[in-house]
Amino acid sequence: MIGPLIYLLCALTAGACAGLLLRAYEHTRSPLLWWSGLCFALLTVNNALVVVDLVVLPDVSLFLPRNLTALLAMLVLPYGLIWMSE
């Protein structure tokens, strides 16, 4: 019973982080904020897929899309950090 609430709170927290990072990027145009905001936006999608997969549609497996969005989110930030350092 507490699991769905935790999944939803994780999605909302990641979304809030993405929103704050991207809003800060609009003011400063710092590339690090852009890549961090994009990473958290993808983590928000990942957490939303977790909610849909485990709570809304428990009979449908979204294992692959969930893991692909998590992988993409984890690759975006290092790519941005490496690209920014050049």
PDB file of N, CA and C in Angstrom:
ATOM      1  N   MET A   1       0.815  -1.195   0.000  1.00  0.00           N
ATOM      2  CA  MET A   1       0.000   0.000   0.000  1.00  0.00           C
ATOM      3  C   MET A   1       0.858   1.258   0.000  1.00  0.00           C
ATOM      4  N   ILE A   2       2.003   1.215   0.661  1.00  0.00           N
ATOM      5  CA  ILE A   2       2.868   2.391   0.721  1.00  0.00           C
ATOM      6  C   ILE A   2       3.722   2.509  -0.533  1.00  0.00           C
ATOM      7  N   GLY A   3       3.931   1.387  -1.245  1.00  0.00           N
ATOM      8  CA  GLY A   3       4.768   1.385  -2.454  1.00  0.00           C
ATOM      9  C   GLY A   3       4.308   2.364  -3.520  1.00  0.00           C
ATOM     10  N   PRO A   4       3.042   2.347  -3.933  1.00  0.00           N
ATOM     11  CA  PRO A   4       2.595   3.293  -4.959  1.00  0.00           C
ATOM     12  C   PRO A   4       2.792   4.755  -4.559  1.00  0.00           C
ATOM     13  N   LEU A   5       2.614   5.047  -3.289  1.00  0.00           N
ATOM     14  CA  LEU A   5       2.835   6.413  -2.817  1.00  0.00           C
ATOM     15  C   LEU A   5       4.306   6.806  -2.965  1.00  0.00           C
ATOM     16  N   ILE A   6       5.195   5.893  -2.634  1.00  0.00           N
ATOM     17  CA  ILE A   6       6.629   6.161  -2.767  1.00  0.00           C
ATOM     18  C   ILE A   6       6.992   6.355  -4.233  1.00  0.00           C
ATOM     19  N   TYR A   7       6.457   5.512  -5.126  1.00  0.00           N
ATOM     20  CA  TYR A   7       6.741   5.650  -6.554  1.00  0.00           C
ATOM     21  C   TYR A   7       6.281   7.020  -7.064  1.00  0.00           C
ATOM     22  N   LEU A   8       5.099   7.430  -6.649  1.00  0.00           N
ATOM     23  CA  LEU A   8       4.553   8.718  -7.075  1.00  0.00           C
ATOM     24  C   LEU A   8       5.380   9.872  -6.529  1.00  0.00           C
ATOM     25  N   LEU A   9       5.787   9.785  -5.278  1.00  0.00           N
ATOM     26  CA  LEU A   9       6.614  10.844  -4.695  1.00  0.00           C
ATOM     27  C   LEU A   9       7.970  10.941  -5.380  1.00  0.00           C
ATOM     28  N   CYS A  10       8.532   9.820  -5.774  1.00  0.00           N
ATOM     29  CA  CYS A  10       9.807   9.834  -6.511  1.00  0.00           C
ATOM     30  C   CYS A  10       9.638  10.542  -7.852  1.00  0.00           C
ATOM     31  N   ALA A  11       8.547  10.257  -8.545  1.00  0.00           N
ATOM     32  CA  ALA A  11       8.296  10.908  -9.832  1.00  0.00           C
ATOM     33  C   ALA A  11       8.101  12.415  -9.643  1.00  0.00           C
ATOM     34  N   LEU A  12       7.358  12.811  -8.632  1.00  0.00           N
ATOM     35  CA  LEU A  12       7.134  14.232  -8.383  1.00  0.00           C
ATOM     36  C   LEU A  12       8.415  14.945  -7.980  1.00  0.00           C
ATOM     37  N   THR A  13       9.235  14.291  -7.179  1.00  0.00           N
ATOM     38  CA  THR A  13      10.507  14.897  -6.760  1.00  0.00           C
ATOM     39  C   THR A  13      11.446  15.072  -7.946  1.00  0.00           C
ATOM     40  N   ALA A  14      11.567  14.066  -8.788  1.00  0.00           N
ATOM     41  CA  ALA A  14      12.423  14.175  -9.971  1.00  0.00           C
ATOM     42  C   ALA A  14      11.894  15.262 -10.906  1.00  0.00           C
ATOM     43  N   GLY A  15      10.585  15.360 -11.033  1.00  0.00           N
ATOM     44  CA  GLY A  15       9.991  16.409 -11.869  1.00  0.00           C
ATOM     45  C   GLY A  15      10.260  17.802 -11.321  1.00  0.00           C
ATOM     46  N   ALA A  16      10.173  17.942 -10.007  1.00  0.00           N
ATOM     47  CA  ALA A  16      10.463  19.237  -9.384  1.00  0.00           C
ATOM     48  C   ALA A  16      11.925  19.612  -9.579  1.00  0.00           C
ATOM     49  N   CYS A  17      12.815  18.650  -9.420  1.00  0.00           N
ATOM     50  CA  CYS A  17      14.246  18.906  -9.644  1.00  0.00           C
ATOM     51  C   CYS A  17      14.492  19.319 -11.089  1.00  0.00           C
ATOM     52  N   ALA A  18      13.882  18.613 -12.029  1.00  0.00           N
ATOM     53  CA  ALA A  18      14.050  18.955 -13.445  1.00  0.00           C
ATOM     54  C   ALA A  18      13.538  20.363 -13.719  1.00  0.00           C
ATOM     55  N   GLY A  19      12.383  20.677 -13.186  1.00  0.00           N
ATOM     56  CA  GLY A  19      11.820  22.007 -13.392  1.00  0.00           C
ATOM     57  C   GLY A  19      12.705  23.111 -12.830  1.00  0.00           C
ATOM     58  N   LEU A  20      13.208  22.915 -11.626  1.00  0.00           N
ATOM     59  CA  LEU A  20      14.073  23.921 -11.010  1.00  0.00           C
ATOM     60  C   LEU A  20      15.388  24.073 -11.765  1.00  0.00           C
ATOM     61  N   LEU A  21      15.976  22.958 -12.187  1.00  0.00           N
ATOM     62  CA  LEU A  21      17.240  23.023 -12.929  1.00  0.00           C
ATOM     63  C   LEU A  21      17.055  23.713 -14.277  1.00  0.00           C
ATOM     64  N   LEU A  22      15.988  23.376 -14.980  1.00  0.00           N
ATOM     65  CA  LEU A  22      15.769  23.983 -16.287  1.00  0.00           C
ATOM     66  C   LEU A  22      15.378  25.453 -16.171  1.00  0.00           C
ATOM     67  N   ARG A  23      14.679  25.802 -15.113  1.00  0.00           N
ATOM     68  CA  ARG A  23      14.346  27.212 -14.883  1.00  0.00           C
ATOM     69  C   ARG A  23      15.606  28.018 -14.577  1.00  0.00           C
ATOM     70  N   ALA A  24      16.512  27.428 -13.794  1.00  0.00           N
ATOM     71  CA  ALA A  24      17.781  28.094 -13.511  1.00  0.00           C
ATOM     72  C   ALA A  24      18.617  28.221 -14.778  1.00  0.00           C
ATOM     73  N   TYR A  25      18.525  27.232 -15.655  1.00  0.00           N
ATOM     74  CA  TYR A  25      19.253  27.292 -16.920  1.00  0.00           C
ATOM     75  C   TYR A  25      18.775  28.467 -17.764  1.00  0.00           C
ATOM     76  N   GLU A  26      17.475  28.740 -17.752  1.00  0.00           N
ATOM     77  CA  GLU A  26      16.941  29.863 -18.521  1.00  0.00           C
ATOM     78  C   GLU A  26      17.557  31.187 -18.095  1.00  0.00           C
ATOM     79  N   HIS A  27      17.885  31.310 -16.821  1.00  0.00           N
ATOM     80  CA  HIS A  27      18.433  32.564 -16.309  1.00  0.00           C
ATOM     81  C   HIS A  27      19.943  32.671 -16.493  1.00  0.00           C
ATOM     82  N   THR A  28      20.661  31.555 -16.373  1.00  0.00           N
ATOM     83  CA  THR A  28      22.125  31.619 -16.379  1.00  0.00           C
ATOM     84  C   THR A  28      22.755  31.094 -17.662  1.00  0.00           C
ATOM     85  N   ARG A  29      22.041  30.256 -18.406  1.00  0.00           N
ATOM     86  CA  ARG A  29      22.554  29.603 -19.613  1.00  0.00           C
ATOM     87  C   ARG A  29      23.812  28.781 -19.347  1.00  0.00           C
ATOM     88  N   SER A  30      23.898  28.217 -18.164  1.00  0.00           N
ATOM     89  CA  SER A  30      25.011  27.341 -17.825  1.00  0.00           C
ATOM     90  C   SER A  30      24.743  25.951 -18.407  1.00  0.00           C
ATOM     91  N   PRO A  31      25.663  25.423 -19.220  1.00  0.00           N
ATOM     92  CA  PRO A  31      25.437  24.118 -19.840  1.00  0.00           C
ATOM     93  C   PRO A  31      25.255  22.999 -18.819  1.00  0.00           C
ATOM     94  N   LEU A  32      25.906  23.103 -17.678  1.00  0.00           N
ATOM     95  CA  LEU A  32      25.768  22.067 -16.649  1.00  0.00           C
ATOM     96  C   LEU A  32      24.323  21.980 -16.150  1.00  0.00           C
ATOM     97  N   LEU A  33      23.673  23.116 -16.025  1.00  0.00           N
ATOM     98  CA  LEU A  33      22.263  23.108 -15.610  1.00  0.00           C
ATOM     99  C   LEU A  33      21.386  22.464 -16.679  1.00  0.00           C
ATOM    100  N   TRP A  34      21.693  22.700 -17.948  1.00  0.00           N
ATOM    101  CA  TRP A  34      20.921  22.102 -19.035  1.00  0.00           C
ATOM    102  C   TRP A  34      21.013  20.576 -18.996  1.00  0.00           C
ATOM    103  N   TRP A  35      22.243  20.054 -18.911  1.00  0.00           N
ATOM    104  CA  TRP A  35      22.430  18.604 -18.922  1.00  0.00           C
ATOM    105  C   TRP A  35      21.851  17.962 -17.667  1.00  0.00           C
ATOM    106  N   SER A  36      21.980  18.638 -16.530  1.00  0.00           N
ATOM    107  CA  SER A  36      21.402  18.109 -15.288  1.00  0.00           C
ATOM    108  C   SER A  36      19.879  18.115 -15.367  1.00  0.00           C
ATOM    109  N   GLY A  37      19.311  19.187 -15.898  1.00  0.00           N
ATOM    110  CA  GLY A  37      17.855  19.257 -16.051  1.00  0.00           C
ATOM    111  C   GLY A  37      17.331  18.203 -16.997  1.00  0.00           C
ATOM    112  N   LEU A  38      18.054  17.970 -18.082  1.00  0.00           N
ATOM    113  CA  LEU A  38      17.655  16.933 -19.029  1.00  0.00           C
ATOM    114  C   LEU A  38      17.722  15.550 -18.391  1.00  0.00           C
ATOM    115  N   CYS A  39      18.770  15.311 -17.607  1.00  0.00           N
ATOM    116  CA  CYS A  39      18.906  14.037 -16.890  1.00  0.00           C
ATOM    117  C   CYS A  39      17.716  13.821 -15.959  1.00  0.00           C
ATOM    118  N   PHE A  40      17.372  14.840 -15.182  1.00  0.00           N
ATOM    119  CA  PHE A  40      16.253  14.697 -14.257  1.00  0.00           C
ATOM    120  C   PHE A  40      14.911  14.622 -14.980  1.00  0.00           C
ATOM    121  N   ALA A  41      14.790  15.255 -16.124  1.00  0.00           N
ATOM    122  CA  ALA A  41      13.556  15.126 -16.902  1.00  0.00           C
ATOM    123  C   ALA A  41      13.375  13.682 -17.363  1.00  0.00           C
ATOM    124  N   LEU A  42      14.465  13.068 -17.802  1.00  0.00           N
ATOM    125  CA  LEU A  42      14.389  11.660 -18.208  1.00  0.00           C
ATOM    126  C   LEU A  42      14.136  10.750 -17.003  1.00  0.00           C
ATOM    127  N   LEU A  43      14.693  11.098 -15.853  1.00  0.00           N
ATOM    128  CA  LEU A  43      14.400  10.318 -14.642  1.00  0.00           C
ATOM    129  C   LEU A  43      12.934  10.469 -14.238  1.00  0.00           C
ATOM    130  N   THR A  44      12.351  11.632 -14.510  1.00  0.00           N
ATOM    131  CA  THR A  44      10.923  11.815 -14.252  1.00  0.00           C
ATOM    132  C   THR A  44      10.102  10.889 -15.135  1.00  0.00           C
ATOM    133  N   VAL A  45      10.477  10.807 -16.410  1.00  0.00           N
ATOM    134  CA  VAL A  45       9.787   9.884 -17.321  1.00  0.00           C
ATOM    135  C   VAL A  45       9.950   8.451 -16.827  1.00  0.00           C
ATOM    136  N   ASN A  46      11.154   8.113 -16.400  1.00  0.00           N
ATOM    137  CA  ASN A  46      11.406   6.769 -15.884  1.00  0.00           C
ATOM    138  C   ASN A  46      10.523   6.475 -14.673  1.00  0.00           C
ATOM    139  N   ASN A  47      10.453   7.404 -13.739  1.00  0.00           N
ATOM    140  CA  ASN A  47       9.626   7.184 -12.551  1.00  0.00           C
ATOM    141  C   ASN A  47       8.144   7.139 -12.886  1.00  0.00           C
ATOM    142  N   ALA A  48       7.726   7.919 -13.868  1.00  0.00           N
ATOM    143  CA  ALA A  48       6.326   7.848 -14.302  1.00  0.00           C
ATOM    144  C   ALA A  48       6.029   6.481 -14.919  1.00  0.00           C
ATOM    145  N   LEU A  49       6.988   5.953 -15.674  1.00  0.00           N
ATOM    146  CA  LEU A  49       6.805   4.607 -16.238  1.00  0.00           C
ATOM    147  C   LEU A  49       6.749   3.546 -15.143  1.00  0.00           C
ATOM    148  N   VAL A  50       7.490   3.751 -14.068  1.00  0.00           N
ATOM    149  CA  VAL A  50       7.421   2.817 -12.936  1.00  0.00           C
ATOM    150  C   VAL A  50       6.019   2.827 -12.348  1.00  0.00           C
ATOM    151  N   VAL A  51       5.452   4.010 -12.172  1.00  0.00           N
ATOM    152  CA  VAL A  51       4.088   4.114 -11.622  1.00  0.00           C
ATOM    153  C   VAL A  51       3.098   3.433 -12.546  1.00  0.00           C
ATOM    154  N   VAL A  52       3.211   3.699 -13.843  1.00  0.00           N
ATOM    155  CA  VAL A  52       2.285   3.086 -14.797  1.00  0.00           C
ATOM    156  C   VAL A  52       2.471   1.572 -14.817  1.00  0.00           C
ATOM    157  N   ASP A  53       3.713   1.133 -14.824  1.00  0.00           N
ATOM    158  CA  ASP A  53       4.008  -0.297 -14.928  1.00  0.00           C
ATOM    159  C   ASP A  53       3.548  -1.072 -13.696  1.00  0.00           C
ATOM    160  N   LEU A  54       3.856  -0.571 -12.528  1.00  0.00           N
ATOM    161  CA  LEU A  54       3.603  -1.345 -11.315  1.00  0.00           C
ATOM    162  C   LEU A  54       2.266  -1.047 -10.646  1.00  0.00           C
ATOM    163  N   VAL A  55       1.682   0.120 -10.922  1.00  0.00           N
ATOM    164  CA  VAL A  55       0.447   0.504 -10.221  1.00  0.00           C
ATOM    165  C   VAL A  55      -0.752   0.524 -11.170  1.00  0.00           C
ATOM    166  N   VAL A  56      -0.615   1.255 -12.275  1.00  0.00           N
ATOM    167  CA  VAL A  56      -1.763   1.454 -13.159  1.00  0.00           C
ATOM    168  C   VAL A  56      -2.032   0.221 -14.019  1.00  0.00           C
ATOM    169  N   LEU A  57      -0.983  -0.308 -14.637  1.00  0.00           N
ATOM    170  CA  LEU A  57      -1.119  -1.475 -15.530  1.00  0.00           C
ATOM    171  C   LEU A  57      -0.219  -2.613 -15.053  1.00  0.00           C
ATOM    172  N   PRO A  58      -0.582  -3.266 -13.965  1.00  0.00           N
ATOM    173  CA  PRO A  58       0.308  -4.307 -13.432  1.00  0.00           C
ATOM    174  C   PRO A  58       0.434  -5.536 -14.341  1.00  0.00           C
ATOM    175  N   ASP A  59      -0.500  -5.717 -15.265  1.00  0.00           N
ATOM    176  CA  ASP A  59      -0.450  -6.876 -16.154  1.00  0.00           C
ATOM    177  C   ASP A  59       0.429  -6.647 -17.383  1.00  0.00           C
ATOM    178  N   VAL A  60       0.788  -5.382 -17.639  1.00  0.00           N
ATOM    179  CA  VAL A  60       1.601  -5.037 -18.794  1.00  0.00           C
ATOM    180  C   VAL A  60       3.023  -4.778 -18.316  1.00  0.00           C
ATOM    181  N   SER A  61       3.991  -5.379 -18.994  1.00  0.00           N
ATOM    182  CA  SER A  61       5.384  -5.193 -18.606  1.00  0.00           C
ATOM    183  C   SER A  61       6.012  -4.042 -19.388  1.00  0.00           C
ATOM    184  N   LEU A  62       6.437  -3.026 -18.675  1.00  0.00           N
ATOM    185  CA  LEU A  62       7.161  -1.907 -19.272  1.00  0.00           C
ATOM    186  C   LEU A  62       8.625  -1.944 -18.845  1.00  0.00           C
ATOM    187  N   PHE A  63       9.117  -3.135 -18.633  1.00  0.00           N
ATOM    188  CA  PHE A  63      10.490  -3.317 -18.145  1.00  0.00           C
ATOM    189  C   PHE A  63      11.511  -2.692 -19.086  1.00  0.00           C
ATOM    190  N   LEU A  64      11.415  -2.968 -20.367  1.00  0.00           N
ATOM    191  CA  LEU A  64      12.388  -2.460 -21.332  1.00  0.00           C
ATOM    192  C   LEU A  64      12.321  -0.934 -21.463  1.00  0.00           C
ATOM    193  N   PRO A  65      11.150  -0.329 -21.655  1.00  0.00           N
ATOM    194  CA  PRO A  65      11.120   1.143 -21.730  1.00  0.00           C
ATOM    195  C   PRO A  65      11.612   1.819 -20.444  1.00  0.00           C
ATOM    196  N   ARG A  66      11.293   1.233 -19.303  1.00  0.00           N
ATOM    197  CA  ARG A  66      11.774   1.805 -18.040  1.00  0.00           C
ATOM    198  C   ARG A  66      13.287   1.792 -17.978  1.00  0.00           C
ATOM    199  N   ASN A  67      13.879   0.670 -18.338  1.00  0.00           N
ATOM    200  CA  ASN A  67      15.330   0.564 -18.263  1.00  0.00           C
ATOM    201  C   ASN A  67      16.031   1.393 -19.330  1.00  0.00           C
ATOM    202  N   LEU A  68      15.423   1.526 -20.498  1.00  0.00           N
ATOM    203  CA  LEU A  68      16.016   2.354 -21.540  1.00  0.00           C
ATOM    204  C   LEU A  68      16.021   3.828 -21.155  1.00  0.00           C
ATOM    205  N   THR A  69      14.925   4.306 -20.548  1.00  0.00           N
ATOM    206  CA  THR A  69      14.903   5.705 -20.123  1.00  0.00           C
ATOM    207  C   THR A  69      15.878   5.942 -18.974  1.00  0.00           C
ATOM    208  N   ALA A  70      16.019   4.982 -18.090  1.00  0.00           N
ATOM    209  CA  ALA A  70      16.987   5.122 -17.000  1.00  0.00           C
ATOM    210  C   ALA A  70      18.412   5.146 -17.565  1.00  0.00           C
ATOM    211  N   LEU A  71      18.697   4.279 -18.527  1.00  0.00           N
ATOM    212  CA  LEU A  71      20.020   4.259 -19.147  1.00  0.00           C
ATOM    213  C   LEU A  71      20.303   5.568 -19.865  1.00  0.00           C
ATOM    214  N   LEU A  72      19.337   6.056 -20.609  1.00  0.00           N
ATOM    215  CA  LEU A  72      19.512   7.311 -21.322  1.00  0.00           C
ATOM    216  C   LEU A  72      19.735   8.463 -20.346  1.00  0.00           C
ATOM    217  N   ALA A  73      18.995   8.476 -19.249  1.00  0.00           N
ATOM    218  CA  ALA A  73      19.165   9.523 -18.242  1.00  0.00           C
ATOM    219  C   ALA A  73      20.556   9.481 -17.641  1.00  0.00           C
ATOM    220  N   MET A  74      21.062   8.287 -17.394  1.00  0.00           N
ATOM    221  CA  MET A  74      22.386   8.156 -16.792  1.00  0.00           C
ATOM    222  C   MET A  74      23.516   8.417 -17.793  1.00  0.00           C
ATOM    223  N   LEU A  75      23.228   8.351 -19.098  1.00  0.00           N
ATOM    224  CA  LEU A  75      24.238   8.649 -20.108  1.00  0.00           C
ATOM    225  C   LEU A  75      24.268  10.127 -20.485  1.00  0.00           C
ATOM    226  N   VAL A  76      23.153  10.809 -20.319  1.00  0.00           N
ATOM    227  CA  VAL A  76      23.061  12.211 -20.707  1.00  0.00           C
ATOM    228  C   VAL A  76      23.987  13.088 -19.872  1.00  0.00           C
ATOM    229  N   LEU A  77      23.993  12.911 -18.588  1.00  0.00           N
ATOM    230  CA  LEU A  77      24.793  13.779 -17.725  1.00  0.00           C
ATOM    231  C   LEU A  77      26.299  13.601 -17.945  1.00  0.00           C
ATOM    232  N   PRO A  78      26.844  12.382 -17.963  1.00  0.00           N
ATOM    233  CA  PRO A  78      28.285  12.265 -18.266  1.00  0.00           C
ATOM    234  C   PRO A  78      28.640  12.784 -19.657  1.00  0.00           C
ATOM    235  N   TYR A  79      27.763  12.556 -20.627  1.00  0.00           N
ATOM    236  CA  TYR A  79      28.020  13.088 -21.964  1.00  0.00           C
ATOM    237  C   TYR A  79      28.113  14.611 -21.912  1.00  0.00           C
ATOM    238  N   GLY A  80      27.177  15.241 -21.223  1.00  0.00           N
ATOM    239  CA  GLY A  80      27.205  16.692 -21.102  1.00  0.00           C
ATOM    240  C   GLY A  80      28.434  17.186 -20.375  1.00  0.00           C
ATOM    241  N   LEU A  81      28.854  16.488 -19.348  1.00  0.00           N
ATOM    242  CA  LEU A  81      30.043  16.894 -18.603  1.00  0.00           C
ATOM    243  C   LEU A  81      31.302  16.766 -19.463  1.00  0.00           C
ATOM    244  N   ILE A  82      31.399  15.687 -20.237  1.00  0.00           N
ATOM    245  CA  ILE A  82      32.562  15.487 -21.094  1.00  0.00           C
ATOM    246  C   ILE A  82      32.556  16.491 -22.253  1.00  0.00           C
ATOM    247  N   TRP A  83      31.397  16.688 -22.843  1.00  0.00           N
ATOM    248  CA  TRP A  83      31.270  17.621 -23.964  1.00  0.00           C
ATOM    249  C   TRP A  83      31.564  19.047 -23.507  1.00  0.00           C
ATOM    250  N   MET A  84      31.144  19.386 -22.306  1.00  0.00           N
ATOM    251  CA  MET A  84      31.343  20.722 -21.769  1.00  0.00           C
ATOM    252  C   MET A  84      32.812  20.987 -21.447  1.00  0.00           C
ATOM    253  N   SER A  85      33.566  19.962 -21.112  1.00  0.00           N
ATOM    254  CA  SER A  85      34.956  20.152 -20.722  1.00  0.00           C
ATOM    255  C   SER A  85      35.874  20.377 -21.918  1.00  0.00           C
ATOM    256  N   GLU A  86      35.411  20.050 -23.113  1.00  0.00           N
ATOM    257  CA  GLU A  86      36.268  20.221 -24.306  1.00  0.00           C
ATOM    258  C   GLU A  86      36.302  21.646 -24.774  1.00  0.00           C
TER     259      GLU A  86
END
